[in-house]
C-alpha atoms as a PDB file:
ATOM      1  CA  MET A   1      73.507  91.200  86.458  1.00  0.00           C
ATOM      2  CA  ASP A   2      77.361  91.790  85.049  1.00  0.00           C
ATOM      3  CA  TYR A   3      78.784  88.335  86.353  1.00  0.00           C
ATOM      4  CA  ALA A   4      82.414  89.152  85.136  1.00  0.00           C
ATOM      5  CA  PHE A   5      82.362  92.324  86.781  1.00  0.00           C
ATOM      6  CA  GLU A   6      80.894  91.429  89.770  1.00  0.00           C
ATOM      7  CA  LYS A   7      83.479  88.907  90.115  1.00  0.00           C
ATOM      8  CA  ASP A   8      86.801  90.824  89.263  1.00  0.00           C
ATOM      9  CA  TRP A   9      84.991  93.597  91.647  1.00  0.00           C
ATOM     10  CA  ILE A  10      84.961  90.954  95.109  1.00  0.00           C
ATOM     11  CA  SER A  11      88.749  90.084  93.086  1.00  0.00           C
ATOM     12  CA  LEU A  12      89.255  93.246  94.007  1.00  0.00           C
ATOM     13  CA  GLU A  13      87.762  94.001  97.078  1.00  0.00           C
ATOM     14  CA  ARG A  14      89.755  90.878  98.422  1.00  0.00           C
ATOM     15  CA  LEU A  15      93.327  92.138  96.723  1.00  0.00           C
ATOM     16  CA  MET A  16      92.604  95.839  98.696  1.00  0.00           C
ATOM     17  CA  GLU A  17      91.731  94.292 102.068  1.00  0.00           C
ATOM     18  CA  GLU A  18      94.808  91.983 101.924  1.00  0.00           C
ATOM     19  CA  ARG A  19      97.395  94.906 100.937  1.00  0.00           C
ATOM     20  CA  PHE A  20      95.343  97.279 104.000  1.00  0.00           C
ATOM     21  CA  GLY A  21      94.406  94.623 106.545  1.00  0.00           C
ATOM     22  CA  GLU A  22      90.755  95.649 106.174  1.00  0.00           C
ATOM     23  CA  PRO A  23      87.761  95.485 103.874  1.00  0.00           C
ATOM     24  CA  PRO A  24      87.860  99.109 102.138  1.00  0.00           C
ATOM     25  CA  ASP A  25      85.267 101.567 101.181  1.00  0.00           C
ATOM     26  CA  LEU A  26      84.467 103.183  98.120  1.00  0.00           C
ATOM     27  CA  THR A  27      86.492 106.124  99.015  1.00  0.00           C
ATOM     28  CA  THR A  28      89.555 104.459  99.963  1.00  0.00           C
ATOM     29  CA  MET A  29      90.172 102.877  96.769  1.00  0.00           C
ATOM     30  CA  ILE A  30      89.249 106.210  94.787  1.00  0.00           C
ATOM     31  CA  PHE A  31      92.105 107.985  97.576  1.00  0.00           C
ATOM     32  CA  THR A  32      94.271 104.889  96.911  1.00  0.00           C
ATOM     33  CA  VAL A  33      94.353 105.730  92.515  1.00  0.00           C
ATOM     34  CA  GLY A  34      95.014 109.247  93.636  1.00  0.00           C
ATOM     35  CA  LEU A  35      98.256 108.206  95.879  1.00  0.00           C
ATOM     36  CA  GLN A  36      99.578 106.169  93.157  1.00  0.00           C
ATOM     37  CA  GLU A  37      98.634 108.447  90.442  1.00  0.00           C
ATOM     38  CA  CYS A  38     100.182 111.062  92.930  1.00  0.00           C
ATOM     39  CA  GLY A  39     103.689 109.019  93.281  1.00  0.00           C
ATOM     40  CA  GLN A  40     102.955 110.119  96.901  1.00  0.00           C
ATOM     41  CA  PRO A  41     104.279 107.192 100.200  1.00  0.00           C
ATOM     42  CA  PHE A  42     101.417 106.909 102.755  1.00  0.00           C
ATOM     43  CA  ARG A  43     101.829 109.487 105.278  1.00  0.00           C
ATOM     44  CA  SER A  44      99.698 111.910 106.889  1.00  0.00           C
ATOM     45  CA  PHE A  45      97.993 114.620 104.896  1.00  0.00           C
ATOM     46  CA  LYS A  46      96.311 117.678 105.789  1.00  0.00           C
ATOM     47  CA  LYS A  47      92.795 117.749 104.594  1.00  0.00           C
ATOM     48  CA  ASP A  48      93.344 119.989 101.660  1.00  0.00           C
ATOM     49  CA  GLU A  49      95.855 117.194 100.454  1.00  0.00           C
ATOM     50  CA  LYS A  50      93.681 114.739 101.350  1.00  0.00           C
ATOM     51  CA  LEU A  51      90.970 116.062  98.902  1.00  0.00           C
ATOM     52  CA  GLU A  52      93.249 117.019  95.966  1.00  0.00           C
ATOM     53  CA  ILE A  53      94.275 113.284  96.308  1.00  0.00           C
ATOM     54  CA  MET A  54      91.427 112.397  96.069  1.00  0.00           C
ATOM     55  CA  HIS A  55      90.270 114.587  93.129  1.00  0.00           C
ATOM     56  CA  VAL A  56      93.219 113.120  91.487  1.00  0.00           C
ATOM     57  CA  GLY A  57      91.929 109.352  92.144  1.00  0.00           C
ATOM     58  CA  VAL A  58      89.035 110.409  90.384  1.00  0.00           C
ATOM     59  CA  CYS A  59      89.592 112.143  87.360  1.00  0.00           C
ATOM     60  CA  THR A  60      92.497 109.899  86.951  1.00  0.00           C
ATOM     61  CA  LEU A  61      89.246 106.903  86.909  1.00  0.00           C
ATOM     62  CA  LEU A  62      86.882 109.148  84.910  1.00  0.00           C
ATOM     63  CA  GLU A  63      89.528 110.127  81.916  1.00  0.00           C
ATOM     64  CA  PRO A  64      89.492 106.928  80.020  1.00  0.00           C
ATOM     65  CA  GLN A  65      85.622 107.880  79.602  1.00  0.00           C
ATOM     66  CA  GLY A  66      86.903 111.380  78.118  1.00  0.00           C
ATOM     67  CA  PHE A  67      85.285 113.275  81.063  1.00  0.00           C
ATOM     68  CA  TYR A  68      89.288 114.477  81.796  1.00  0.00           C
ATOM     69  CA  GLU A  69      92.414 114.930  79.979  1.00  0.00           C
ATOM     70  CA  ALA A  70      95.190 114.887  81.831  1.00  0.00           C
ATOM     71  CA  LEU A  71      97.662 118.061  81.331  1.00  0.00           C
ATOM     72  CA  GLY A  72     100.724 116.832  83.044  1.00  0.00           C
ATOM     73  CA  THR A  73     102.047 117.500  86.595  1.00  0.00           C
ATOM     74  CA  ASP A  74     103.077 120.980  88.541  1.00  0.00           C
ATOM     75  CA  GLU A  75     106.504 121.855  90.246  1.00  0.00           C
ATOM     76  CA  GLU A  76     105.851 119.686  93.092  1.00  0.00           C
ATOM     77  CA  GLY A  77     104.682 116.888  90.584  1.00  0.00           C
ATOM     78  CA  TRP A  78     101.134 117.165  91.476  1.00  0.00           C
ATOM     79  CA  PRO A  79      99.033 116.031  88.234  1.00  0.00           C
ATOM     80  CA  HIS A  80      96.375 118.086  86.919  1.00  0.00           C
ATOM     81  CA  PHE A  81      93.161 117.693  84.666  1.00  0.00           C
ATOM     82  CA  GLU A  82      91.106 119.194  82.395  1.00  0.00           C
ATOM     83  CA  ARG A  83      87.378 118.255  82.417  1.00  0.00           C
ATOM     84  CA  LYS A  84      86.076 117.659  79.118  1.00  0.00           C
ATOM     85  CA  ALA A  85      82.801 116.816  79.241  1.00  0.00           C
ATOM     86  CA  GLU A  86      80.037 117.065  81.814  1.00  0.00           C
ATOM     87  CA  ILE A  87      79.337 114.220  84.210  1.00  0.00           C
ATOM     88  CA  PRO A  88      75.721 113.200  83.714  1.00  0.00           C
ATOM     89  CA  ALA A  89      73.760 113.446  86.766  1.00  0.00           C
ATOM     90  CA  VAL A  90      72.838 110.329  87.842  1.00  0.00           C
ATOM     91  CA  SER A  91      71.478 108.363  90.922  1.00  0.00           C
ATOM     92  CA  LYS A  92      73.704 107.540  93.862  1.00  0.00           C
ATOM     93  CA  VAL A  93      73.445 103.730  93.355  1.00  0.00           C
ATOM     94  CA  GLU A  94      74.143 104.616  89.301  1.00  0.00           C
ATOM     95  CA  GLN A  95      77.247 107.050  90.160  1.00  0.00           C
ATOM     96  CA  GLU A  96      78.363 104.530  92.785  1.00  0.00           C
ATOM     97  CA  LEU A  97      78.282 101.342  89.968  1.00  0.00           C
ATOM     98  CA  PHE A  98      80.308 103.722  87.657  1.00  0.00           C
ATOM     99  CA  MET A  99      83.039 104.280  89.907  1.00  0.00           C
ATOM    100  CA  LYS A 100      83.312 100.622  90.887  1.00  0.00           C
ATOM    101  CA  ARG A 101      83.300  99.429  86.922  1.00  0.00           C
ATOM    102  CA  ALA A 102      86.045 102.507  86.582  1.00  0.00           C
ATOM    103  CA  LEU A 103      88.377 101.011  89.904  1.00  0.00           C
ATOM    104  CA  VAL A 104      88.208  97.453  88.114  1.00  0.00           C
ATOM    105  CA  GLU A 105      89.177  99.091  84.852  1.00  0.00           C
ATOM    106  CA  TYR A 106      92.013 100.998  86.673  1.00  0.00           C
ATOM    107  CA  PHE A 107      92.837  97.796  88.299  1.00  0.00           C
ATOM    108  CA  ALA A 108      92.773  94.812  85.634  1.00  0.00           C
ATOM    109  CA  ALA A 109      96.112  93.766  85.823  1.00  0.00           C
ATOM    110  CA  TRP A 110      96.564  93.733  89.505  1.00  0.00           C
ATOM    111  CA  ILE A 111      92.991  91.713  89.341  1.00  0.00           C
ATOM    112  CA  ALA A 112      93.795  89.528  86.738  1.00  0.00           C
ATOM    113  CA  GLY A 113      97.672  88.948  88.365  1.00  0.00           C
ATOM    114  CA  GLY A 114      95.340  88.288  91.965  1.00  0.00           C
END
């Protein structure tokens, strides 16, 4: 077991709960990354916008592992990415752990300061 990762994950969950008032799930955390990267204030979003924000969150989290490359933003300020490598087929449990590790890496400075 990776105790340092587990400690950081618990810290991240606690920080997110303090910030948003309820325990976050993985989807909410990825959505938060997307919002942050899009520079969008929290507001009501249409379904297609929510999907785009989730996509930005996933691409941002997988970019350091070489799966995506940021291409810049369009005229409306939305980030765009290019897939650089195929994401390996893994079990749901492995996928969840992979995303949790990516979230801990993304929020590392917040975790360290929290």
